[in-house]
């Protein structure tokens, strides 16, 4: 089994595999370009996000700096997403974010342990603030279940 196949299966893998490392560098260059754009360069930012992400809906805004180990390659954002400063997504596996979600500053979406699902739905009220059909998730959140190798973030 190749390192790419191991990564895609949600297994531990060696990221220094030459093919994976070359792809990651290319993706990180796009991420660097995104973070280097001025706030006034919104058209360029939106164009880069569409190129970087697997899927991105309408009216999505990510404050810089934004961090992702594969530059958003496996990130699927719905519509009306706002991410405050320092959003970090470990996107070696798919990450799904529903519509109308707001991320607080310094949020990290990372599994850390393989074969664990990172599910952001039905969180206690002290973790999620729902205002006008928009879910706001502060920096300190995590709910783990040992069932699947997929991240899933949903608005409540």
C-alpha atoms as a PDB file:
ATOM      1  CA  UNK A   1       0.000   0.000   0.000  1.00  0.00           C
ATOM      2  CA  UNK A   2       1.445   3.386  -0.959  1.00  0.00           C
ATOM      3  CA  UNK A   3       1.674   6.275   1.485  1.00  0.00           C
ATOM      4  CA  UNK A   4      -1.022   8.108  -0.525  1.00  0.00           C
ATOM      5  CA  UNK A   5      -3.322   5.078  -0.262  1.00  0.00           C
ATOM      6  CA  UNK A   6      -2.636   4.912   3.473  1.00  0.00           C
ATOM      7  CA  UNK A   7      -3.467   8.623   3.853  1.00  0.00           C
ATOM      8  CA  UNK A   8      -6.662   8.302   1.794  1.00  0.00           C
ATOM      9  CA  UNK A   9      -7.721   5.271   3.841  1.00  0.00           C
ATOM     10  CA  UNK A  10      -7.334   7.255   7.064  1.00  0.00           C
ATOM     11  CA  UNK A  11      -4.319   5.265   8.206  1.00  0.00           C
ATOM     12  CA  UNK A  12      -1.068   6.587   9.586  1.00  0.00           C
ATOM     13  CA  UNK A  13       1.237   7.485   6.716  1.00  0.00           C
ATOM     14  CA  UNK A  14       4.677   8.953   6.133  1.00  0.00           C
ATOM     15  CA  UNK A  15       4.240  12.513   4.822  1.00  0.00           C
ATOM     16  CA  UNK A  16       7.810  12.604   3.494  1.00  0.00           C
ATOM     17  CA  UNK A  17       6.798  10.351   0.578  1.00  0.00           C
ATOM     18  CA  UNK A  18       8.246  12.208  -2.468  1.00  0.00           C
ATOM     19  CA  UNK A  19       4.949  12.334  -4.377  1.00  0.00           C
ATOM     20  CA  UNK A  20       2.959  13.514  -1.371  1.00  0.00           C
ATOM     21  CA  UNK A  21       5.637  16.028  -0.412  1.00  0.00           C
ATOM     22  CA  UNK A  22       5.713  17.512  -3.924  1.00  0.00           C
ATOM     23  CA  UNK A  23       1.924  17.846  -4.007  1.00  0.00           C
ATOM     24  CA  UNK A  24       1.873  19.354  -0.530  1.00  0.00           C
ATOM     25  CA  UNK A  25       4.495  21.955  -1.469  1.00  0.00           C
ATOM     26  CA  UNK A  26       2.470  22.965  -4.517  1.00  0.00           C
ATOM     27  CA  UNK A  27      -0.692  23.293  -2.395  1.00  0.00           C
ATOM     28  CA  UNK A  28       1.173  25.233   0.319  1.00  0.00           C
ATOM     29  CA  UNK A  29       2.449  27.678  -2.301  1.00  0.00           C
ATOM     30  CA  UNK A  30      -1.184  28.484  -3.176  1.00  0.00           C
ATOM     31  CA  UNK A  31      -1.960  28.887   0.522  1.00  0.00           C
ATOM     32  CA  UNK A  32       1.012  31.228   0.896  1.00  0.00           C
ATOM     33  CA  UNK A  33      -0.248  33.286  -2.060  1.00  0.00           C
ATOM     34  CA  UNK A  34      -3.710  33.500  -0.455  1.00  0.00           C
ATOM     35  CA  UNK A  35      -2.281  34.677   2.870  1.00  0.00           C
ATOM     36  CA  UNK A  36      -0.107  37.288   1.102  1.00  0.00           C
ATOM     37  CA  UNK A  37      -3.057  38.995  -0.604  1.00  0.00           C
ATOM     38  CA  UNK A  38      -4.279  42.329   0.742  1.00  0.00           C
ATOM     39  CA  UNK A  39      -7.732  42.490   2.364  1.00  0.00           C
ATOM     40  CA  UNK A  40      -8.818  44.737  -0.520  1.00  0.00           C
ATOM     41  CA  UNK A  41      -7.978  42.011  -3.077  1.00  0.00           C
ATOM     42  CA  UNK A  42     -11.203  40.066  -2.542  1.00  0.00           C
ATOM     43  CA  UNK A  43     -11.660  38.953  -6.148  1.00  0.00           C
ATOM     44  CA  UNK A  44      -8.215  37.317  -6.151  1.00  0.00           C
ATOM     45  CA  UNK A  45      -8.857  35.746  -2.730  1.00  0.00           C
ATOM     46  CA  UNK A  46     -12.144  34.215  -3.880  1.00  0.00           C
ATOM     47  CA  UNK A  47     -10.557  32.908  -7.076  1.00  0.00           C
ATOM     48  CA  UNK A  48      -7.746  31.252  -5.091  1.00  0.00           C
ATOM     49  CA  UNK A  49     -10.171  29.671  -2.615  1.00  0.00           C
ATOM     50  CA  UNK A  50     -12.104  28.125  -5.510  1.00  0.00           C
ATOM     51  CA  UNK A  51      -8.836  26.681  -6.803  1.00  0.00           C
ATOM     52  CA  UNK A  52      -7.559  25.572  -3.391  1.00  0.00           C
ATOM     53  CA  UNK A  53     -10.677  23.943  -1.912  1.00  0.00           C
ATOM     54  CA  UNK A  54     -12.401  20.767  -3.047  1.00  0.00           C
ATOM     55  CA  UNK A  55     -15.649  22.745  -2.847  1.00  0.00           C
ATOM     56  CA  UNK A  56     -16.552  26.213  -1.607  1.00  0.00           C
ATOM     57  CA  UNK A  57     -19.984  27.815  -1.588  1.00  0.00           C
ATOM     58  CA  UNK A  58     -21.139  31.396  -1.954  1.00  0.00           C
ATOM     59  CA  UNK A  59     -20.274  34.176   0.492  1.00  0.00           C
ATOM     60  CA  UNK A  60     -17.359  32.428   2.205  1.00  0.00           C
ATOM     61  CA  UNK A  61     -14.699  34.589   3.845  1.00  0.00           C
ATOM     62  CA  UNK A  62     -11.540  33.375   5.573  1.00  0.00           C
ATOM     63  CA  UNK A  63      -9.468  35.896   7.517  1.00  0.00           C
ATOM     64  CA  UNK A  64      -5.736  35.568   7.153  1.00  0.00           C
ATOM     65  CA  UNK A  65      -3.642  33.902   8.225  1.00  0.00           C
ATOM     66  CA  UNK A  66      -5.285  30.629   7.219  1.00  0.00           C
ATOM     67  CA  UNK A  67      -3.425  27.333   7.624  1.00  0.00           C
ATOM     68  CA  UNK A  68      -4.044  23.898   6.100  1.00  0.00           C
ATOM     69  CA  UNK A  69      -1.520  21.123   5.588  1.00  0.00           C
ATOM     70  CA  UNK A  70      -2.778  20.455   2.039  1.00  0.00           C
ATOM     71  CA  UNK A  71      -3.942  24.008   1.367  1.00  0.00           C
ATOM     72  CA  UNK A  72      -7.639  23.128   1.485  1.00  0.00           C
ATOM     73  CA  UNK A  73      -7.482  20.275  -1.040  1.00  0.00           C
ATOM     74  CA  UNK A  74     -10.014  18.113   0.814  1.00  0.00           C
ATOM     75  CA  UNK A  75     -12.078  20.910   2.384  1.00  0.00           C
ATOM     76  CA  UNK A  76     -15.735  21.237   1.419  1.00  0.00           C
ATOM     77  CA  UNK A  77     -17.369  24.500   2.567  1.00  0.00           C
ATOM     78  CA  UNK A  78     -21.061  25.235   2.212  1.00  0.00           C
ATOM     79  CA  UNK A  79     -22.513  28.726   1.792  1.00  0.00           C
ATOM     80  CA  UNK A  80     -22.114  31.712   4.105  1.00  0.00           C
ATOM     81  CA  UNK A  81     -19.001  30.632   6.021  1.00  0.00           C
ATOM     82  CA  UNK A  82     -16.919  33.095   8.043  1.00  0.00           C
ATOM     83  CA  UNK A  83     -13.592  32.037   9.539  1.00  0.00           C
ATOM     84  CA  UNK A  84     -11.832  34.421  11.898  1.00  0.00           C
ATOM     85  CA  UNK A  85      -8.037  34.720  12.179  1.00  0.00           C
ATOM     86  CA  UNK A  86      -5.780  31.649  12.372  1.00  0.00           C
ATOM     87  CA  UNK A  87      -8.162  28.941  11.200  1.00  0.00           C
ATOM     88  CA  UNK A  88      -6.108  25.743  10.915  1.00  0.00           C
ATOM     89  CA  UNK A  89      -7.477  22.682   9.106  1.00  0.00           C
ATOM     90  CA  UNK A  90      -5.579  19.394   8.943  1.00  0.00           C
ATOM     91  CA  UNK A  91      -6.933  18.381   5.554  1.00  0.00           C
ATOM     92  CA  UNK A  92      -5.175  15.136   4.807  1.00  0.00           C
ATOM     93  CA  UNK A  93      -8.715  13.711   5.031  1.00  0.00           C
ATOM     94  CA  UNK A  94     -12.036  15.231   3.998  1.00  0.00           C
ATOM     95  CA  UNK A  95     -13.483  18.068   6.066  1.00  0.00           C
ATOM     96  CA  UNK A  96     -17.118  19.064   5.457  1.00  0.00           C
ATOM     97  CA  UNK A  97     -18.583  22.325   6.733  1.00  0.00           C
ATOM     98  CA  UNK A  98     -22.294  23.022   6.259  1.00  0.00           C
ATOM     99  CA  UNK A  99     -24.009  26.332   5.546  1.00  0.00           C
ATOM    100  CA  UNK A 100     -24.101  29.373   7.855  1.00  0.00           C
ATOM    101  CA  UNK A 101     -21.090  28.536  10.046  1.00  0.00           C
ATOM    102  CA  UNK A 102     -18.839  31.027  11.819  1.00  0.00           C
ATOM    103  CA  UNK A 103     -15.456  29.989  13.223  1.00  0.00           C
ATOM    104  CA  UNK A 104     -14.009  31.922  16.142  1.00  0.00           C
ATOM    105  CA  UNK A 105     -10.336  32.961  16.141  1.00  0.00           C
ATOM    106  CA  UNK A 106      -7.617  30.306  16.487  1.00  0.00           C
ATOM    107  CA  UNK A 107      -9.835  27.301  15.687  1.00  0.00           C
ATOM    108  CA  UNK A 108      -8.094  24.037  14.802  1.00  0.00           C
ATOM    109  CA  UNK A 109      -9.831  21.204  12.972  1.00  0.00           C
ATOM    110  CA  UNK A 110      -7.510  18.268  13.575  1.00  0.00           C
ATOM    111  CA  UNK A 111      -8.118  14.641  14.367  1.00  0.00           C
ATOM    112  CA  UNK A 112      -4.785  13.917  15.965  1.00  0.00           C
ATOM    113  CA  UNK A 113      -5.696  10.231  16.259  1.00  0.00           C
ATOM    114  CA  UNK A 114      -6.605   8.290  13.132  1.00  0.00           C
ATOM    115  CA  UNK A 115      -9.927   6.459  12.863  1.00  0.00           C
ATOM    116  CA  UNK A 116     -11.660   9.115  14.977  1.00  0.00           C
ATOM    117  CA  UNK A 117     -14.544  11.186  13.734  1.00  0.00           C
ATOM    118  CA  UNK A 118     -14.497  14.892  14.510  1.00  0.00           C
ATOM    119  CA  UNK A 119     -18.182  15.788  14.628  1.00  0.00           C
ATOM    120  CA  UNK A 120     -19.374  19.333  15.252  1.00  0.00           C
ATOM    121  CA  UNK A 121     -23.090  18.989  15.622  1.00  0.00           C
ATOM    122  CA  UNK A 122     -25.389  18.960  18.631  1.00  0.00           C
ATOM    123  CA  UNK A 123     -22.697  20.536  20.795  1.00  0.00           C
ATOM    124  CA  UNK A 124     -23.607  21.794  24.275  1.00  0.00           C
ATOM    125  CA  UNK A 125     -24.999  25.332  24.263  1.00  0.00           C
ATOM    126  CA  UNK A 126     -21.896  26.726  25.988  1.00  0.00           C
ATOM    127  CA  UNK A 127     -19.859  25.615  22.945  1.00  0.00           C
ATOM    128  CA  UNK A 128     -22.086  26.837  20.157  1.00  0.00           C
ATOM    129  CA  UNK A 129     -23.888  30.124  19.864  1.00  0.00           C
ATOM    130  CA  UNK A 130     -26.695  30.152  17.322  1.00  0.00           C
ATOM    131  CA  UNK A 131     -27.713  33.597  16.122  1.00  0.00           C
ATOM    132  CA  UNK A 132     -30.088  34.062  13.180  1.00  0.00           C
ATOM    133  CA  UNK A 133     -29.508  30.572  11.749  1.00  0.00           C
ATOM    134  CA  UNK A 134     -25.729  30.996  11.933  1.00  0.00           C
ATOM    135  CA  UNK A 135     -23.595  28.745  14.110  1.00  0.00           C
ATOM    136  CA  UNK A 136     -20.596  30.339  15.806  1.00  0.00           C
ATOM    137  CA  UNK A 137     -17.940  27.938  17.059  1.00  0.00           C
ATOM    138  CA  UNK A 138     -15.352  29.327  19.483  1.00  0.00           C
ATOM    139  CA  UNK A 139     -11.732  28.242  19.669  1.00  0.00           C
ATOM    140  CA  UNK A 140     -12.285  25.563  22.289  1.00  0.00           C
ATOM    141  CA  UNK A 141     -14.422  22.826  20.818  1.00  0.00           C
ATOM    142  CA  UNK A 142     -14.061  19.162  20.167  1.00  0.00           C
ATOM    143  CA  UNK A 143     -16.319  16.196  20.269  1.00  0.00           C
ATOM    144  CA  UNK A 144     -14.755  12.884  19.361  1.00  0.00           C
ATOM    145  CA  UNK A 145     -16.364   9.580  18.457  1.00  0.00           C
ATOM    146  CA  UNK A 146     -14.436   6.409  17.596  1.00  0.00           C
ATOM    147  CA  UNK A 147     -16.464   5.428  14.528  1.00  0.00           C
ATOM    148  CA  UNK A 148     -15.195   6.920  11.284  1.00  0.00           C
ATOM    149  CA  UNK A 149     -12.153   8.429   9.617  1.00  0.00           C
ATOM    150  CA  UNK A 150     -14.066  11.464   8.331  1.00  0.00           C
ATOM    151  CA  UNK A 151     -14.326  14.951   9.723  1.00  0.00           C
ATOM    152  CA  UNK A 152     -17.767  16.453   9.537  1.00  0.00           C
ATOM    153  CA  UNK A 153     -18.749  19.927  10.623  1.00  0.00           C
ATOM    154  CA  UNK A 154     -22.378  20.889  10.453  1.00  0.00           C
ATOM    155  CA  UNK A 155     -24.268  23.970  11.473  1.00  0.00           C
ATOM    156  CA  UNK A 156     -26.960  23.281  14.070  1.00  0.00           C
END
